[in-house]
Amino acid sequence: MEILPEHCLSCVHRLDVYMALLNTLEQFFDLTPDEDDRVDALVIHGIAVELLKECGIVNQGYNLLASALTYAVLDQTLLQNLKGRLYPKVATAHHTTSTRVERNIRTSIEGAWTRGDASVLSKYFGNTILSAKGKPTNLQFLLVMSDIVHKRCIIPRHPVK
């Protein structure tokens, strides 16, 4: 197994806690039998969870958003078609419908913008949001957050020798 960069291990949770959650998360993600990929998904999911908590997202769509972010970081092409690819994938994993996934993610984002920490949201989103709506669309939110998660935990698949 590859050694994870230090910044991946600096999360509030330790890697052994993530490993304990592995069996639970396997049902939500299409993981290959390769153990490195399972650890990657687990670390990414943990970082996504911490980031969402930091932004003040704690309602029903929280688990759906964490799963969507994990899928988006693992396969960025899913962000090219939310309704056709990402939402159905998350819906299948959580035994619900794509429509409910989309609605719960939208509601979570709205909740973060009305009740969340404005300084944290401003730090991550800055002036990227149109003032007419006052909050990002699902796609804008997922793009920014998946980029942050990706930067926080870059796990090289094939280290340069």
C-alpha atoms as a PDB file:
ATOM      1  CA  MET A   1       0.000   0.000   0.000  1.00  0.00           C
ATOM      2  CA  GLU A   2       1.229   3.508  -0.795  1.00  0.00           C
ATOM      3  CA  ILE A   3       2.214   5.812   2.030  1.00  0.00           C
ATOM      4  CA  LEU A   4      -0.259   8.672   2.300  1.00  0.00           C
ATOM      5  CA  PRO A   5       1.042  12.241   2.356  1.00  0.00           C
ATOM      6  CA  GLU A   6       1.221  13.854   5.809  1.00  0.00           C
ATOM      7  CA  HIS A   7      -1.583  16.343   5.069  1.00  0.00           C
ATOM      8  CA  CYS A   8      -3.945  13.413   4.458  1.00  0.00           C
ATOM      9  CA  LEU A   9      -3.257  12.078   7.919  1.00  0.00           C
ATOM     10  CA  SER A  10      -3.645  15.443   9.614  1.00  0.00           C
ATOM     11  CA  CYS A  11      -7.451  15.274   9.577  1.00  0.00           C
ATOM     12  CA  VAL A  12      -9.289  15.089  12.862  1.00  0.00           C
ATOM     13  CA  HIS A  13      -9.869  11.396  12.278  1.00  0.00           C
ATOM     14  CA  ARG A  14      -6.990   8.937  12.091  1.00  0.00           C
ATOM     15  CA  LEU A  15      -6.477   6.483   9.270  1.00  0.00           C
ATOM     16  CA  ASP A  16      -7.342   3.537  11.538  1.00  0.00           C
ATOM     17  CA  VAL A  17     -10.768   5.081  12.136  1.00  0.00           C
ATOM     18  CA  TYR A  18     -11.249   5.341   8.378  1.00  0.00           C
ATOM     19  CA  MET A  19     -10.227   1.732   7.994  1.00  0.00           C
ATOM     20  CA  ALA A  20     -12.840   0.728  10.572  1.00  0.00           C
ATOM     21  CA  LEU A  21     -15.461   2.462   8.416  1.00  0.00           C
ATOM     22  CA  LEU A  22     -14.302   0.683   5.277  1.00  0.00           C
ATOM     23  CA  ASN A  23     -16.886  -2.094   5.456  1.00  0.00           C
ATOM     24  CA  THR A  24     -19.695   0.451   5.768  1.00  0.00           C
ATOM     25  CA  LEU A  25     -18.475   2.598   2.890  1.00  0.00           C
ATOM     26  CA  GLU A  26     -17.905  -0.317   0.518  1.00  0.00           C
ATOM     27  CA  GLN A  27     -21.649  -0.555  -0.020  1.00  0.00           C
ATOM     28  CA  PHE A  28     -21.792   3.098  -1.131  1.00  0.00           C
ATOM     29  CA  PHE A  29     -18.912   3.170  -3.588  1.00  0.00           C
ATOM     30  CA  ASP A  30     -18.030   1.079  -6.598  1.00  0.00           C
ATOM     31  CA  LEU A  31     -14.625   0.102  -5.276  1.00  0.00           C
ATOM     32  CA  THR A  32     -12.204  -2.121  -7.100  1.00  0.00           C
ATOM     33  CA  PRO A  33     -10.653  -5.039  -5.255  1.00  0.00           C
ATOM     34  CA  ASP A  34      -7.402  -3.073  -5.085  1.00  0.00           C
ATOM     35  CA  GLU A  35      -6.864  -2.113  -1.437  1.00  0.00           C
ATOM     36  CA  ASP A  36      -5.172   1.171  -2.393  1.00  0.00           C
ATOM     37  CA  ASP A  37      -8.336   2.331  -4.161  1.00  0.00           C
ATOM     38  CA  ARG A  38     -10.462   1.518  -1.102  1.00  0.00           C
ATOM     39  CA  VAL A  39      -8.169   3.535   1.138  1.00  0.00           C
ATOM     40  CA  ASP A  40      -8.205   6.386  -1.371  1.00  0.00           C
ATOM     41  CA  ALA A  41     -12.023   6.499  -1.370  1.00  0.00           C
ATOM     42  CA  LEU A  42     -12.079   6.304   2.400  1.00  0.00           C
ATOM     43  CA  VAL A  43      -9.626   9.166   2.874  1.00  0.00           C
ATOM     44  CA  ILE A  44     -11.408  11.286   0.265  1.00  0.00           C
ATOM     45  CA  HIS A  45     -14.766  10.637   1.935  1.00  0.00           C
ATOM     46  CA  GLY A  46     -13.340  11.597   5.345  1.00  0.00           C
ATOM     47  CA  ILE A  47     -11.932  14.845   4.022  1.00  0.00           C
ATOM     48  CA  ALA A  48     -15.239  15.621   2.275  1.00  0.00           C
ATOM     49  CA  VAL A  49     -17.106  15.042   5.555  1.00  0.00           C
ATOM     50  CA  GLU A  50     -14.773  17.391   7.462  1.00  0.00           C
ATOM     51  CA  LEU A  51     -15.081  20.069   4.771  1.00  0.00           C
ATOM     52  CA  LEU A  52     -18.890  19.914   4.777  1.00  0.00           C
ATOM     53  CA  LYS A  53     -18.971  20.223   8.576  1.00  0.00           C
ATOM     54  CA  GLU A  54     -16.637  23.199   8.344  1.00  0.00           C
ATOM     55  CA  CYS A  55     -19.062  24.875   5.921  1.00  0.00           C
ATOM     56  CA  GLY A  56     -21.997  24.261   8.251  1.00  0.00           C
ATOM     57  CA  ILE A  57     -23.751  21.531   6.279  1.00  0.00           C
ATOM     58  CA  VAL A  58     -25.345  19.186   8.781  1.00  0.00           C
ATOM     59  CA  ASN A  59     -28.858  18.429   7.519  1.00  0.00           C
ATOM     60  CA  GLN A  60     -30.334  15.467   5.663  1.00  0.00           C
ATOM     61  CA  GLY A  61     -28.425  16.066   2.423  1.00  0.00           C
ATOM     62  CA  TYR A  62     -25.102  15.883   4.258  1.00  0.00           C
ATOM     63  CA  ASN A  63     -24.495  12.181   3.543  1.00  0.00           C
ATOM     64  CA  LEU A  64     -25.603  12.568  -0.054  1.00  0.00           C
ATOM     65  CA  LEU A  65     -23.268  15.527  -0.546  1.00  0.00           C
ATOM     66  CA  ALA A  66     -20.336  13.672   1.025  1.00  0.00           C
ATOM     67  CA  SER A  67     -20.942  10.727  -1.312  1.00  0.00           C
ATOM     68  CA  ALA A  68     -21.336  13.017  -4.330  1.00  0.00           C
ATOM     69  CA  LEU A  69     -18.061  14.764  -3.489  1.00  0.00           C
ATOM     70  CA  THR A  70     -16.284  11.449  -3.090  1.00  0.00           C
ATOM     71  CA  TYR A  71     -17.557  10.214  -6.442  1.00  0.00           C
ATOM     72  CA  ALA A  72     -16.665  13.559  -8.068  1.00  0.00           C
ATOM     73  CA  VAL A  73     -13.090  13.471  -6.772  1.00  0.00           C
ATOM     74  CA  LEU A  74     -12.640   9.852  -7.841  1.00  0.00           C
ATOM     75  CA  ASP A  75     -14.128  10.495 -11.304  1.00  0.00           C
ATOM     76  CA  GLN A  76     -14.309  14.152 -12.330  1.00  0.00           C
ATOM     77  CA  THR A  77     -16.176  13.305 -15.527  1.00  0.00           C
ATOM     78  CA  LEU A  78     -19.282  12.720 -13.384  1.00  0.00           C
ATOM     79  CA  LEU A  79     -19.512  16.493 -12.921  1.00  0.00           C
ATOM     80  CA  GLN A  80     -20.110  16.920 -16.643  1.00  0.00           C
ATOM     81  CA  ASN A  81     -23.589  15.441 -16.281  1.00  0.00           C
ATOM     82  CA  LEU A  82     -25.035  15.697 -12.783  1.00  0.00           C
ATOM     83  CA  LYS A  83     -28.578  14.575 -13.595  1.00  0.00           C
ATOM     84  CA  GLY A  84     -27.531  11.796 -15.932  1.00  0.00           C
ATOM     85  CA  ARG A  85     -24.532  10.316 -14.118  1.00  0.00           C
ATOM     86  CA  LEU A  86     -23.694  11.665 -10.653  1.00  0.00           C
ATOM     87  CA  TYR A  87     -27.164  11.908  -9.082  1.00  0.00           C
ATOM     88  CA  PRO A  88     -28.216   8.404 -10.230  1.00  0.00           C
ATOM     89  CA  LYS A  89     -24.964   6.945  -8.880  1.00  0.00           C
ATOM     90  CA  VAL A  90     -25.461   8.590  -5.474  1.00  0.00           C
ATOM     91  CA  ALA A  91     -29.155   7.664  -5.489  1.00  0.00           C
ATOM     92  CA  THR A  92     -28.381   4.005  -6.116  1.00  0.00           C
ATOM     93  CA  ALA A  93     -25.843   3.952  -3.297  1.00  0.00           C
ATOM     94  CA  HIS A  94     -28.321   5.515  -0.865  1.00  0.00           C
ATOM     95  CA  HIS A  95     -31.439   3.644  -2.066  1.00  0.00           C
ATOM     96  CA  THR A  96     -33.295   6.757  -3.142  1.00  0.00           C
ATOM     97  CA  THR A  97     -34.081   8.638  -6.366  1.00  0.00           C
ATOM     98  CA  SER A  98     -32.004  11.104  -8.404  1.00  0.00           C
ATOM     99  CA  THR A  99     -34.647  13.777  -7.857  1.00  0.00           C
ATOM    100  CA  ARG A 100     -34.358  13.435  -4.086  1.00  0.00           C
ATOM    101  CA  VAL A 101     -30.577  13.542  -4.287  1.00  0.00           C
ATOM    102  CA  GLU A 102     -30.685  16.774  -6.298  1.00  0.00           C
ATOM    103  CA  ARG A 103     -33.245  18.358  -3.965  1.00  0.00           C
ATOM    104  CA  ASN A 104     -31.421  17.360  -0.764  1.00  0.00           C
ATOM    105  CA  ILE A 105     -28.100  18.666  -2.084  1.00  0.00           C
ATOM    106  CA  ARG A 106     -29.751  21.953  -3.105  1.00  0.00           C
ATOM    107  CA  THR A 107     -31.415  22.257   0.316  1.00  0.00           C
ATOM    108  CA  SER A 108     -28.096  21.557   2.075  1.00  0.00           C
ATOM    109  CA  ILE A 109     -26.390  24.302   0.093  1.00  0.00           C
ATOM    110  CA  GLU A 110     -29.213  26.748   0.868  1.00  0.00           C
ATOM    111  CA  GLY A 111     -28.941  25.859   4.558  1.00  0.00           C
ATOM    112  CA  ALA A 112     -25.199  26.465   4.567  1.00  0.00           C
ATOM    113  CA  TRP A 113     -25.706  29.880   2.990  1.00  0.00           C
ATOM    114  CA  THR A 114     -28.384  30.928   5.470  1.00  0.00           C
ATOM    115  CA  ARG A 115     -27.033  29.338   8.678  1.00  0.00           C
ATOM    116  CA  GLY A 116     -23.378  28.509   7.946  1.00  0.00           C
ATOM    117  CA  ASP A 117     -20.198  30.366   8.778  1.00  0.00           C
ATOM    118  CA  ALA A 118     -20.015  33.236   6.282  1.00  0.00           C
ATOM    119  CA  SER A 119     -16.248  33.662   6.687  1.00  0.00           C
ATOM    120  CA  VAL A 120     -15.597  29.999   5.827  1.00  0.00           C
ATOM    121  CA  LEU A 121     -17.919  30.128   2.822  1.00  0.00           C
ATOM    122  CA  SER A 122     -16.329  33.365   1.667  1.00  0.00           C
ATOM    123  CA  LYS A 123     -12.867  31.811   2.023  1.00  0.00           C
ATOM    124  CA  TYR A 124     -13.789  28.931  -0.274  1.00  0.00           C
ATOM    125  CA  PHE A 125     -16.155  30.625  -2.705  1.00  0.00           C
ATOM    126  CA  GLY A 126     -15.053  34.278  -2.649  1.00  0.00           C
ATOM    127  CA  ASN A 127     -16.709  36.236  -5.442  1.00  0.00           C
ATOM    128  CA  THR A 128     -17.554  33.210  -7.553  1.00  0.00           C
ATOM    129  CA  ILE A 129     -21.264  33.313  -6.701  1.00  0.00           C
ATOM    130  CA  LEU A 130     -23.790  35.416  -8.635  1.00  0.00           C
ATOM    131  CA  SER A 131     -25.331  37.948  -6.273  1.00  0.00           C
ATOM    132  CA  ALA A 132     -28.766  37.513  -7.858  1.00  0.00           C
ATOM    133  CA  LYS A 133     -29.244  34.102  -6.236  1.00  0.00           C
ATOM    134  CA  GLY A 134     -26.834  34.614  -3.371  1.00  0.00           C
ATOM    135  CA  LYS A 135     -25.792  30.963  -3.284  1.00  0.00           C
ATOM    136  CA  PRO A 136     -24.030  28.593  -5.668  1.00  0.00           C
ATOM    137  CA  THR A 137     -25.836  26.133  -7.886  1.00  0.00           C
ATOM    138  CA  ASN A 138     -25.328  22.454  -7.141  1.00  0.00           C
ATOM    139  CA  LEU A 139     -22.771  22.250  -9.944  1.00  0.00           C
ATOM    140  CA  GLN A 140     -20.835  25.315  -8.760  1.00  0.00           C
ATOM    141  CA  PHE A 141     -20.777  23.971  -5.199  1.00  0.00           C
ATOM    142  CA  LEU A 142     -19.658  20.497  -6.239  1.00  0.00           C
ATOM    143  CA  LEU A 143     -16.962  21.879  -8.560  1.00  0.00           C
ATOM    144  CA  VAL A 144     -15.438  24.131  -5.908  1.00  0.00           C
ATOM    145  CA  MET A 145     -15.707  21.590  -3.087  1.00  0.00           C
ATOM    146  CA  SER A 146     -14.384  18.669  -5.123  1.00  0.00           C
ATOM    147  CA  ASP A 147     -11.412  20.808  -6.120  1.00  0.00           C
ATOM    148  CA  ILE A 148     -10.732  21.642  -2.454  1.00  0.00           C
ATOM    149  CA  VAL A 149     -11.034  17.992  -1.397  1.00  0.00           C
ATOM    150  CA  HIS A 150      -8.741  16.960  -4.232  1.00  0.00           C
ATOM    151  CA  LYS A 151      -6.129  19.542  -3.224  1.00  0.00           C
ATOM    152  CA  ARG A 152      -6.307  18.577   0.450  1.00  0.00           C
ATOM    153  CA  CYS A 153      -5.584  14.971  -0.261  1.00  0.00           C
ATOM    154  CA  ILE A 154      -3.734  14.229  -3.454  1.00  0.00           C
ATOM    155  CA  ILE A 155      -2.986  10.536  -3.415  1.00  0.00           C
ATOM    156  CA  PRO A 156      -0.554   9.612  -6.181  1.00  0.00           C
ATOM    157  CA  ARG A 157      -1.538   6.417  -7.961  1.00  0.00           C
ATOM    158  CA  HIS A 158       1.866   5.841  -9.509  1.00  0.00           C
ATOM    159  CA  PRO A 159       4.686   7.611  -7.660  1.00  0.00           C
ATOM    160  CA  VAL A 160       7.470   8.968  -9.824  1.00  0.00           C
ATOM    161  CA  LYS A 161      10.636   6.920  -9.364  1.00  0.00           C
END
